[in-house]
PDB file of N, CA and C in Angstrom:
ATOM      1  N   MET A   1     102.461  96.346 122.195  1.00  0.00           N
ATOM      2  CA  MET A   1     102.803  97.880 121.074  1.00  0.00           C
ATOM      3  C   MET A   1     102.618  97.529 120.227  1.00  0.00           C
ATOM      4  N   ASP A   2     101.384  98.080 119.757  1.00  0.00           N
ATOM      5  CA  ASP A   2     100.661  98.292 118.131  1.00  0.00           C
ATOM      6  C   ASP A   2     102.014  99.349 117.234  1.00  0.00           C
ATOM      7  N   TYR A   3     101.863  98.652 116.170  1.00  0.00           N
ATOM      8  CA  TYR A   3     102.809  99.270 115.061  1.00  0.00           C
ATOM      9  C   TYR A   3     101.865  99.873 114.106  1.00  0.00           C
ATOM     10  N   LEU A   4     102.320 100.769 113.003  1.00  0.00           N
ATOM     11  CA  LEU A   4     101.147 101.259 111.748  1.00  0.00           C
ATOM     12  C   LEU A   4     102.669 100.901 110.523  1.00  0.00           C
ATOM     13  N   TYR A   5     102.271 100.186 109.984  1.00  0.00           N
ATOM     14  CA  TYR A   5     102.699  99.565 108.554  1.00  0.00           C
ATOM     15  C   TYR A   5     102.566 100.695 107.416  1.00  0.00           C
ATOM     16  N   VAL A   6     103.975 101.299 106.911  1.00  0.00           N
ATOM     17  CA  VAL A   6     103.530 101.917 105.609  1.00  0.00           C
ATOM     18  C   VAL A   6     103.708 101.140 104.777  1.00  0.00           C
ATOM     19  N   SER A   7     103.960 101.758 103.415  1.00  0.00           N
ATOM     20  CA  SER A   7     105.061 101.023 102.241  1.00  0.00           C
ATOM     21  C   SER A   7     105.152 102.283 101.224  1.00  0.00           C
ATOM     22  N   SER A   8     105.752 102.464 100.400  1.00  0.00           N
ATOM     23  CA  SER A   8     106.939 103.694 100.059  1.00  0.00           C
ATOM     24  C   SER A   8     107.308 102.841  98.205  1.00  0.00           C
ATOM     25  N   ARG A   9     106.436 103.933  97.705  1.00  0.00           N
ATOM     26  CA  ARG A   9     106.082 103.227  96.310  1.00  0.00           C
ATOM     27  C   ARG A   9     107.549 103.984  95.873  1.00  0.00           C
ATOM     28  N   SER A  10     108.317 105.187  95.891  1.00  0.00           N
ATOM     29  CA  SER A  10     109.409 105.536  95.629  1.00  0.00           C
ATOM     30  C   SER A  10     110.660 104.151  96.147  1.00  0.00           C
ATOM     31  N   GLN A  11     110.584 104.355  97.359  1.00  0.00           N
ATOM     32  CA  GLN A  11     111.435 103.021  97.613  1.00  0.00           C
ATOM     33  C   GLN A  11     111.249 102.080  98.134  1.00  0.00           C
ATOM     34  N   ASN A  12     110.092 101.454  97.391  1.00  0.00           N
ATOM     35  CA  ASN A  12     110.446 100.060  97.290  1.00  0.00           C
ATOM     36  C   ASN A  12     110.985  99.509  98.717  1.00  0.00           C
ATOM     37  N   ARG A  13     109.619 100.294  99.976  1.00  0.00           N
ATOM     38  CA  ARG A  13     110.328  99.525 101.180  1.00  0.00           C
ATOM     39  C   ARG A  13     108.409  99.542 102.157  1.00  0.00           C
ATOM     40  N   THR A  14     108.400  98.867 102.917  1.00  0.00           N
ATOM     41  CA  THR A  14     107.654  99.215 104.580  1.00  0.00           C
ATOM     42  C   THR A  14     109.099  99.398 105.336  1.00  0.00           C
ATOM     43  N   TYR A  15     107.635 101.120 106.064  1.00  0.00           N
ATOM     44  CA  TYR A  15     108.306 101.191 107.083  1.00  0.00           C
ATOM     45  C   TYR A  15     107.050 100.837 108.392  1.00  0.00           C
ATOM     46  N   ARG A  16     107.707 101.152 109.747  1.00  0.00           N
ATOM     47  CA  ARG A  16     107.013  99.764 111.100  1.00  0.00           C
ATOM     48  C   ARG A  16     106.838 101.508 111.994  1.00  0.00           C
ATOM     49  N   TYR A  17     106.042 101.939 112.650  1.00  0.00           N
ATOM     50  CA  TYR A  17     105.786 103.231 113.311  1.00  0.00           C
ATOM     51  C   TYR A  17     105.315 102.714 114.294  1.00  0.00           C
ATOM     52  N   SER A  18     106.023 103.142 115.277  1.00  0.00           N
ATOM     53  CA  SER A  18     104.977 102.557 116.696  1.00  0.00           C
ATOM     54  C   SER A  18     103.648 103.096 117.530  1.00  0.00           C
ATOM     55  N   LEU A  19     103.043 102.447 117.795  1.00  0.00           N
ATOM     56  CA  LEU A  19     101.491 103.388 118.119  1.00  0.00           C
ATOM     57  C   LEU A  19     101.686 103.840 119.713  1.00  0.00           C
ATOM     58  N   PRO A  20     101.134 104.183 120.110  1.00  0.00           N
ATOM     59  CA  PRO A  20      99.997 105.452 120.155  1.00  0.00           C
ATOM     60  C   PRO A  20     101.292 106.503 119.920  1.00  0.00           C
ATOM     61  N   GLY A  21     100.784 107.827 119.140  1.00  0.00           N
ATOM     62  CA  GLY A  21     101.524 108.423 119.639  1.00  0.00           C
ATOM     63  C   GLY A  21     103.334 108.548 118.470  1.00  0.00           C
ATOM     64  N   ILE A  22     103.024 108.948 117.286  1.00  0.00           N
ATOM     65  CA  ILE A  22     104.187 107.951 116.106  1.00  0.00           C
ATOM     66  C   ILE A  22     105.276 109.749 116.862  1.00  0.00           C
ATOM     67  N   SER A  23     106.208 108.953 116.228  1.00  0.00           N
ATOM     68  CA  SER A  23     107.305 109.755 116.560  1.00  0.00           C
ATOM     69  C   SER A  23     108.754 109.270 116.117  1.00  0.00           C
ATOM     70  N   GLY A  24     108.796 108.168 115.802  1.00  0.00           N
ATOM     71  CA  GLY A  24     110.111 108.265 114.276  1.00  0.00           C
ATOM     72  C   GLY A  24     109.918 106.832 113.993  1.00  0.00           C
ATOM     73  N   ARG A  25     110.485 106.202 113.118  1.00  0.00           N
ATOM     74  CA  ARG A  25     109.668 104.796 112.385  1.00  0.00           C
ATOM     75  C   ARG A  25     111.461 104.008 113.418  1.00  0.00           C
ATOM     76  N   THR A  26     110.530 102.642 113.335  1.00  0.00           N
ATOM     77  CA  THR A  26     111.442 102.137 114.801  1.00  0.00           C
ATOM     78  C   THR A  26     112.644 101.060 113.044  1.00  0.00           C
ATOM     79  N   SER A  27     111.627 100.952 112.110  1.00  0.00           N
ATOM     80  CA  SER A  27     112.565  99.259 111.572  1.00  0.00           C
ATOM     81  C   SER A  27     111.964  99.964 110.305  1.00  0.00           C
ATOM     82  N   SER A  28     112.246  99.648 108.867  1.00  0.00           N
ATOM     83  CA  SER A  28     112.133  99.454 107.648  1.00  0.00           C
ATOM     84  C   SER A  28     112.712  98.365 106.948  1.00  0.00           C
ATOM     85  N   THR A  29     111.775  97.361 106.126  1.00  0.00           N
ATOM     86  CA  THR A  29     111.997  96.070 105.198  1.00  0.00           C
ATOM     87  C   THR A  29     111.887  96.344 104.171  1.00  0.00           C
ATOM     88  N   PRO A  30     113.059  96.346 103.241  1.00  0.00           N
ATOM     89  CA  PRO A  30     113.459  96.640 101.706  1.00  0.00           C
ATOM     90  C   PRO A  30     112.644  95.594 100.642  1.00  0.00           C
ATOM     91  N   PHE A  31     112.093  95.535 100.084  1.00  0.00           N
ATOM     92  CA  PHE A  31     111.600  94.416  99.205  1.00  0.00           C
ATOM     93  C   PHE A  31     112.518  93.827  97.805  1.00  0.00           C
ATOM     94  N   GLY A  32     112.445  92.748  97.844  1.00  0.00           N
ATOM     95  CA  GLY A  32     113.161  92.422  96.502  1.00  0.00           C
ATOM     96  C   GLY A  32     112.437  92.850  94.950  1.00  0.00           C
ATOM     97  N   GLY A  33     113.182  92.524  94.691  1.00  0.00           N
ATOM     98  CA  GLY A  33     112.390  92.916  92.649  1.00  0.00           C
ATOM     99  C   GLY A  33     112.631  94.230  92.248  1.00  0.00           C
ATOM    100  N   ASN A  34     112.627  94.522  90.833  1.00  0.00           N
ATOM    101  CA  ASN A  34     112.426  95.309  91.139  1.00  0.00           C
ATOM    102  C   ASN A  34     111.215  96.709  90.617  1.00  0.00           C
ATOM    103  N   SER A  35     110.306  96.520  91.002  1.00  0.00           N
ATOM    104  CA  SER A  35     109.488  96.841  90.576  1.00  0.00           C
ATOM    105  C   SER A  35     108.611  97.829  92.031  1.00  0.00           C
ATOM    106  N   ARG A  36     107.430  98.771  91.906  1.00  0.00           N
ATOM    107  CA  ARG A  36     106.899  99.655  92.856  1.00  0.00           C
ATOM    108  C   ARG A  36     106.230  99.015  93.394  1.00  0.00           C
ATOM    109  N   THR A  37     106.285  99.754  94.621  1.00  0.00           N
ATOM    110  CA  THR A  37     105.143  98.998  95.827  1.00  0.00           C
ATOM    111  C   THR A  37     103.342  99.486  95.180  1.00  0.00           C
ATOM    112  N   TRP A  38     102.604  99.188  95.047  1.00  0.00           N
ATOM    113  CA  TRP A  38     101.034  99.308  95.280  1.00  0.00           C
ATOM    114  C   TRP A  38     100.482  99.611  96.567  1.00  0.00           C
ATOM    115  N   ASP A  39     100.426  98.377  97.384  1.00  0.00           N
ATOM    116  CA  ASP A  39      99.821  98.214  98.354  1.00  0.00           C
ATOM    117  C   ASP A  39     101.114  97.096  99.173  1.00  0.00           C
ATOM    118  N   ILE A  40      99.991  96.707 100.781  1.00  0.00           N
ATOM    119  CA  ILE A  40     101.245  95.849 101.458  1.00  0.00           C
ATOM    120  C   ILE A  40      99.963  95.192 102.489  1.00  0.00           C
ATOM    121  N   ALA A  41     100.392  93.822 102.898  1.00  0.00           N
ATOM    122  CA  ALA A  41     100.030  93.837 103.854  1.00  0.00           C
ATOM    123  C   ALA A  41     100.630  92.915 104.632  1.00  0.00           C
ATOM    124  N   ARG A  42     100.510  92.496 106.311  1.00  0.00           N
ATOM    125  CA  ARG A  42     100.964  91.577 106.836  1.00  0.00           C
ATOM    126  C   ARG A  42     100.618  90.268 107.475  1.00  0.00           C
ATOM    127  N   ASP A  43     100.346  89.479 107.145  1.00  0.00           N
ATOM    128  CA  ASP A  43      99.893  88.612 108.007  1.00  0.00           C
ATOM    129  C   ASP A  43     100.460  88.194 109.518  1.00  0.00           C
ATOM    130  N   SER A  44     100.089  86.661 110.308  1.00  0.00           N
ATOM    131  CA  SER A  44     100.016  86.752 110.927  1.00  0.00           C
ATOM    132  C   SER A  44     101.229  86.272 111.786  1.00  0.00           C
ATOM    133  N   THR A  45     102.362  85.625 110.901  1.00  0.00           N
ATOM    134  CA  THR A  45     103.213  85.041 111.357  1.00  0.00           C
ATOM    135  C   THR A  45     104.440  86.315 110.296  1.00  0.00           C
ATOM    136  N   GLY A  46     104.442  87.945 110.037  1.00  0.00           N
ATOM    137  CA  GLY A  46     105.428  88.856 110.272  1.00  0.00           C
ATOM    138  C   GLY A  46     105.417  88.967 108.424  1.00  0.00           C
ATOM    139  N   ARG A  47     104.994  88.071 107.606  1.00  0.00           N
ATOM    140  CA  ARG A  47     105.336  88.422 106.739  1.00  0.00           C
ATOM    141  C   ARG A  47     105.004  89.214 106.040  1.00  0.00           C
ATOM    142  N   ILE A  48     105.000  89.991 104.550  1.00  0.00           N
ATOM    143  CA  ILE A  48     104.450  91.165 104.023  1.00  0.00           C
ATOM    144  C   ILE A  48     104.157  90.874 102.810  1.00  0.00           C
ATOM    145  N   TRP A  49     103.104  90.657 102.779  1.00  0.00           N
ATOM    146  CA  TRP A  49     102.336  90.799 101.392  1.00  0.00           C
ATOM    147  C   TRP A  49     102.698  91.823 100.297  1.00  0.00           C
ATOM    148  N   VAL A  50     102.895  91.825  99.078  1.00  0.00           N
ATOM    149  CA  VAL A  50     103.719  92.971  98.327  1.00  0.00           C
ATOM    150  C   VAL A  50     102.546  93.179  97.209  1.00  0.00           C
ATOM    151  N   ALA A  51     102.184  94.126  96.910  1.00  0.00           N
ATOM    152  CA  ALA A  51     101.163  94.352  95.725  1.00  0.00           C
ATOM    153  C   ALA A  51     101.658  94.945  95.210  1.00  0.00           C
ATOM    154  N   SER A  52     102.647  95.118  93.521  1.00  0.00           N
ATOM    155  CA  SER A  52     102.874  95.861  92.767  1.00  0.00           C
ATOM    156  C   SER A  52     102.990  95.738  91.524  1.00  0.00           C
ATOM    157  N   ASP A  53     104.167  96.373  90.669  1.00  0.00           N
ATOM    158  CA  ASP A  53     104.007  96.674  89.056  1.00  0.00           C
ATOM    159  C   ASP A  53     104.283  96.185  88.520  1.00  0.00           C
ATOM    160  N   ASP A  54     104.692  95.176  89.330  1.00  0.00           N
ATOM    161  CA  ASP A  54     105.200  93.408  88.224  1.00  0.00           C
ATOM    162  C   ASP A  54     104.677  93.220  87.224  1.00  0.00           C
ATOM    163  N   SER A  55     105.035  92.642  86.013  1.00  0.00           N
ATOM    164  CA  SER A  55     103.580  92.910  84.897  1.00  0.00           C
ATOM    165  C   SER A  55     103.945  91.186  85.193  1.00  0.00           C
ATOM    166  N   GLY A  56     105.268  90.471  85.623  1.00  0.00           N
ATOM    167  CA  GLY A  56     104.732  89.292  85.345  1.00  0.00           C
ATOM    168  C   GLY A  56     105.004  89.034  86.894  1.00  0.00           C
ATOM    169  N   ILE A  57     105.189  89.267  87.579  1.00  0.00           N
ATOM    170  CA  ILE A  57     104.522  88.462  89.471  1.00  0.00           C
ATOM    171  C   ILE A  57     104.235  89.611  89.914  1.00  0.00           C
ATOM    172  N   PRO A  58     102.669  90.230  89.565  1.00  0.00           N
ATOM    173  CA  PRO A  58     102.435  91.471  90.739  1.00  0.00           C
ATOM    174  C   PRO A  58     102.019  91.183  92.191  1.00  0.00           C
ATOM    175  N   VAL A  59     102.573  89.659  92.530  1.00  0.00           N
ATOM    176  CA  VAL A  59     101.990  89.783  94.320  1.00  0.00           C
ATOM    177  C   VAL A  59     103.218  89.121  94.731  1.00  0.00           C
ATOM    178  N   ARG A  60     103.761  89.363  95.537  1.00  0.00           N
ATOM    179  CA  ARG A  60     104.729  88.640  96.447  1.00  0.00           C
ATOM    180  C   ARG A  60     104.786  88.881  97.788  1.00  0.00           C
ATOM    181  N   CYS A  61     105.459  87.979  98.847  1.00  0.00           N
ATOM    182  CA  CYS A  61     105.230  87.625  99.954  1.00  0.00           C
ATOM    183  C   CYS A  61     107.284  87.853 100.557  1.00  0.00           C
ATOM    184  N   CYS A  62     107.613  88.283 101.434  1.00  0.00           N
ATOM    185  CA  CYS A  62     108.619  89.134 101.672  1.00  0.00           C
ATOM    186  C   CYS A  62     108.788  88.715 103.240  1.00  0.00           C
ATOM    187  N   ASP A  63     110.000  87.610 103.652  1.00  0.00           N
ATOM    188  CA  ASP A  63     109.981  87.635 105.095  1.00  0.00           C
ATOM    189  C   ASP A  63     110.590  89.247 105.718  1.00  0.00           C
ATOM    190  N   SER A  64     110.884  89.093 107.101  1.00  0.00           N
ATOM    191  CA  SER A  64     111.015  90.652 107.760  1.00  0.00           C
ATOM    192  C   SER A  64     112.438  90.690 107.479  1.00  0.00           C
ATOM    193  N   SER A  65     113.579  90.582 106.932  1.00  0.00           N
ATOM    194  CA  SER A  65     114.931  90.648 105.741  1.00  0.00           C
ATOM    195  C   SER A  65     114.364  91.237 104.123  1.00  0.00           C
ATOM    196  N   GLY A  66     113.351  91.318 104.294  1.00  0.00           N
ATOM    197  CA  GLY A  66     112.587  91.262 102.676  1.00  0.00           C
ATOM    198  C   GLY A  66     113.354  90.972 101.344  1.00  0.00           C
ATOM    199  N   ASN A  67     113.560  89.118 101.974  1.00  0.00           N
ATOM    200  CA  ASN A  67     113.413  88.236 101.408  1.00  0.00           C
ATOM    201  C   ASN A  67     112.338  87.377 100.316  1.00  0.00           C
ATOM    202  N   THR A  68     112.284  87.485  99.081  1.00  0.00           N
ATOM    203  CA  THR A  68     110.972  86.707  98.752  1.00  0.00           C
ATOM    204  C   THR A  68     110.711  85.827  99.072  1.00  0.00           C
ATOM    205  N   VAL A  69     109.367  85.009  99.850  1.00  0.00           N
ATOM    206  CA  VAL A  69     109.715  83.640 100.193  1.00  0.00           C
ATOM    207  C   VAL A  69     108.458  82.673  99.152  1.00  0.00           C
ATOM    208  N   GLN A  70     107.612  83.975  98.085  1.00  0.00           N
ATOM    209  CA  GLN A  70     106.711  83.085  97.716  1.00  0.00           C
ATOM    210  C   GLN A  70     106.470  84.373  96.438  1.00  0.00           C
ATOM    211  N   GLU A  71     105.888  84.024  95.487  1.00  0.00           N
ATOM    212  CA  GLU A  71     105.098  84.429  94.602  1.00  0.00           C
ATOM    213  C   GLU A  71     103.913  84.035  93.902  1.00  0.00           C
ATOM    214  N   ILE A  72     103.046  84.591  93.750  1.00  0.00           N
ATOM    215  CA  ILE A  72     101.962  85.006  92.690  1.00  0.00           C
ATOM    216  C   ILE A  72     101.989  85.065  91.104  1.00  0.00           C
ATOM    217  N   SER A  73     102.801  84.957  90.078  1.00  0.00           N
ATOM    218  CA  SER A  73     102.351  84.931  88.959  1.00  0.00           C
ATOM    219  C   SER A  73     101.457  85.691  88.475  1.00  0.00           C
ATOM    220  N   ASN A  74     101.194  86.199  87.159  1.00  0.00           N
ATOM    221  CA  ASN A  74     100.438  87.208  86.540  1.00  0.00           C
ATOM    222  C   ASN A  74      99.428  86.307  85.866  1.00  0.00           C
ATOM    223  N   SER A  75      99.935  84.423  86.032  1.00  0.00           N
ATOM    224  CA  SER A  75      98.673  83.729  85.019  1.00  0.00           C
ATOM    225  C   SER A  75      97.858  83.097  85.867  1.00  0.00           C
ATOM    226  N   ILE A  76      98.033  83.488  87.547  1.00  0.00           N
ATOM    227  CA  ILE A  76      97.027  83.597  88.513  1.00  0.00           C
ATOM    228  C   ILE A  76      95.982  85.131  88.376  1.00  0.00           C
ATOM    229  N   ILE A  77      96.885  86.174  88.442  1.00  0.00           N
ATOM    230  CA  ILE A  77      96.643  87.172  88.943  1.00  0.00           C
ATOM    231  C   ILE A  77      97.291  88.076  87.726  1.00  0.00           C
ATOM    232  N   SER A  78      96.200  89.382  87.101  1.00  0.00           N
ATOM    233  CA  SER A  78      97.439  89.427  85.823  1.00  0.00           C
ATOM    234  C   SER A  78      97.599  91.154  86.430  1.00  0.00           C
ATOM    235  N   SER A  79      97.389  91.859  87.467  1.00  0.00           N
ATOM    236  CA  SER A  79      97.756  92.784  88.268  1.00  0.00           C
ATOM    237  C   SER A  79      97.427  92.757  89.054  1.00  0.00           C
ATOM    238  N   ALA A  80      97.898  93.513  90.271  1.00  0.00           N
ATOM    239  CA  ALA A  80      97.622  93.381  91.744  1.00  0.00           C
ATOM    240  C   ALA A  80      97.997  95.430  92.118  1.00  0.00           C
ATOM    241  N   THR A  81      96.718  96.048  93.035  1.00  0.00           N
ATOM    242  CA  THR A  81      97.297  97.180  93.295  1.00  0.00           C
ATOM    243  C   THR A  81      96.415  97.043  94.727  1.00  0.00           C
ATOM    244  N   GLY A  82      95.595  97.069  95.741  1.00  0.00           N
ATOM    245  CA  GLY A  82      95.159  96.908  96.724  1.00  0.00           C
ATOM    246  C   GLY A  82      95.311  95.134  97.297  1.00  0.00           C
ATOM    247  N   MET A  83      95.627  95.070  98.785  1.00  0.00           N
ATOM    248  CA  MET A  83      94.829  94.064  99.236  1.00  0.00           C
ATOM    249  C   MET A  83      95.290  94.242 100.593  1.00  0.00           C
ATOM    250  N   THR A  84      94.684  93.262 101.541  1.00  0.00           N
ATOM    251  CA  THR A  84      94.201  93.388 102.911  1.00  0.00           C
ATOM    252  C   THR A  84      94.516  91.307 103.207  1.00  0.00           C
ATOM    253  N   ILE A  85      94.430  91.356 104.139  1.00  0.00           N
ATOM    254  CA  ILE A  85      94.656  89.428 104.622  1.00  0.00           C
ATOM    255  C   ILE A  85      93.026  89.983 106.270  1.00  0.00           C
ATOM    256  N   ASP A  86      92.556  88.787 105.902  1.00  0.00           N
ATOM    257  CA  ASP A  86      91.310  88.517 106.542  1.00  0.00           C
ATOM    258  C   ASP A  86      91.561  87.785 108.351  1.00  0.00           C
ATOM    259  N   ASP A  87      90.661  88.122 109.337  1.00  0.00           N
ATOM    260  CA  ASP A  87      91.139  87.120 110.366  1.00  0.00           C
ATOM    261  C   ASP A  87      91.634  85.971 110.308  1.00  0.00           C
ATOM    262  N   ASP A  88      91.131  85.395 108.874  1.00  0.00           N
ATOM    263  CA  ASP A  88      91.299  84.332 108.829  1.00  0.00           C
ATOM    264  C   ASP A  88      92.826  83.797 108.010  1.00  0.00           C
ATOM    265  N   GLY A  89      93.053  84.965 107.804  1.00  0.00           N
ATOM    266  CA  GLY A  89      94.079  84.777 107.207  1.00  0.00           C
ATOM    267  C   GLY A  89      94.229  84.400 106.096  1.00  0.00           C
ATOM    268  N   HIS A  90      93.479  85.126 105.089  1.00  0.00           N
ATOM    269  CA  HIS A  90      93.313  84.867 103.370  1.00  0.00           C
ATOM    270  C   HIS A  90      93.833  85.970 102.804  1.00  0.00           C
ATOM    271  N   LEU A  91      94.150  86.221 102.336  1.00  0.00           N
ATOM    272  CA  LEU A  91      94.661  87.189 101.234  1.00  0.00           C
ATOM    273  C   LEU A  91      93.627  87.677 100.368  1.00  0.00           C
ATOM    274  N   TRP A  92      93.522  88.450 100.502  1.00  0.00           N
ATOM    275  CA  TRP A  92      92.630  89.877  99.819  1.00  0.00           C
ATOM    276  C   TRP A  92      93.762  90.274  98.159  1.00  0.00           C
ATOM    277  N   VAL A  93      92.613  89.882  96.796  1.00  0.00           N
ATOM    278  CA  VAL A  93      93.641  91.232  96.527  1.00  0.00           C
ATOM    279  C   VAL A  93      93.296  91.792  94.902  1.00  0.00           C
ATOM    280  N   SER A  94      92.570  93.021  94.371  1.00  0.00           N
ATOM    281  CA  SER A  94      91.929  93.751  93.574  1.00  0.00           C
ATOM    282  C   SER A  94      92.731  93.782  93.071  1.00  0.00           C
ATOM    283  N   ASN A  95      92.416  93.891  91.793  1.00  0.00           N
ATOM    284  CA  ASN A  95      92.928  93.375  90.369  1.00  0.00           C
ATOM    285  C   ASN A  95      92.309  94.493  89.161  1.00  0.00           C
ATOM    286  N   ASN A  96      93.352  95.595  89.045  1.00  0.00           N
ATOM    287  CA  ASN A  96      92.518  97.071  88.206  1.00  0.00           C
ATOM    288  C   ASN A  96      92.362  96.530  86.608  1.00  0.00           C
ATOM    289  N   ASP A  97      93.292  95.579  86.233  1.00  0.00           N
ATOM    290  CA  ASP A  97      92.931  94.291  84.673  1.00  0.00           C
ATOM    291  C   ASP A  97      91.600  94.004  84.662  1.00  0.00           C
ATOM    292  N   ASP A  98      90.706  93.561  85.135  1.00  0.00           N
ATOM    293  CA  ASP A  98      89.476  92.865  85.475  1.00  0.00           C
ATOM    294  C   ASP A  98      88.682  93.595  86.278  1.00  0.00           C
ATOM    295  N   MET A  99      88.543  94.546  87.002  1.00  0.00           N
ATOM    296  CA  MET A  99      88.032  94.494  87.783  1.00  0.00           C
ATOM    297  C   MET A  99      87.170  93.531  88.974  1.00  0.00           C
ATOM    298  N   THR A 100      88.583  92.413  89.666  1.00  0.00           N
ATOM    299  CA  THR A 100      87.822  91.486  89.954  1.00  0.00           C
ATOM    300  C   THR A 100      88.538  92.366  91.762  1.00  0.00           C
ATOM    301  N   LEU A 101      88.106  91.122  92.822  1.00  0.00           N
ATOM    302  CA  LEU A 101      88.089  90.751  94.404  1.00  0.00           C
ATOM    303  C   LEU A 101      88.866  90.097  94.530  1.00  0.00           C
ATOM    304  N   TYR A 102      90.113  89.547  94.380  1.00  0.00           N
ATOM    305  CA  TYR A 102      89.851  87.952  94.419  1.00  0.00           C
ATOM    306  C   TYR A 102      90.660  87.275  95.992  1.00  0.00           C
ATOM    307  N   HIS A 103      90.311  86.700  96.143  1.00  0.00           N
ATOM    308  CA  HIS A 103      90.357  85.713  97.947  1.00  0.00           C
ATOM    309  C   HIS A 103      91.442  83.931  97.430  1.00  0.00           C
ATOM    310  N   ILE A 104      92.367  84.740  97.832  1.00  0.00           N
ATOM    311  CA  ILE A 104      93.048  83.707  98.553  1.00  0.00           C
ATOM    312  C   ILE A 104      94.143  82.723  99.483  1.00  0.00           C
ATOM    313  N   ASP A 105      93.446  81.811 100.001  1.00  0.00           N
ATOM    314  CA  ASP A 105      94.153  81.305 100.802  1.00  0.00           C
ATOM    315  C   ASP A 105      95.802  80.636 100.777  1.00  0.00           C
ATOM    316  N   VAL A 106      96.517  81.994 101.586  1.00  0.00           N
ATOM    317  CA  VAL A 106      97.764  81.642 102.087  1.00  0.00           C
ATOM    318  C   VAL A 106      98.462  81.381 103.523  1.00  0.00           C
ATOM    319  N   THR A 107      97.079  80.109 103.465  1.00  0.00           N
ATOM    320  CA  THR A 107      97.313  79.958 105.359  1.00  0.00           C
ATOM    321  C   THR A 107      98.429  78.306 105.170  1.00  0.00           C
ATOM    322  N   GLU A 108      98.912  77.655 103.941  1.00  0.00           N
ATOM    323  CA  GLU A 108      99.747  76.921 103.771  1.00  0.00           C
ATOM    324  C   GLU A 108     100.842  76.530 103.984  1.00  0.00           C
TER     325      GLU A 108
END
């Protein structure tokens, strides 16, 4: 089965919809932290990488229960608004502060 994942800025969670023919949500995952979500990416292990407006921790990784399991601080990336995971499992993060696209190995 294929799924579509959608993040909600106002509810700070991601929703999973079954494809094809979206007829309703099948699950949702809340995110830890008090920031609002900009974008999400799911890796091959099912973890959810979250780009947020948190000025201290702009990128965090959550497990399927919404618990934060990894963080990338603003000392590495000052801001994160967009992200994706490539076929090799590397995280790509866009930073609007310095207009740079970061390539981060998160496969370990």
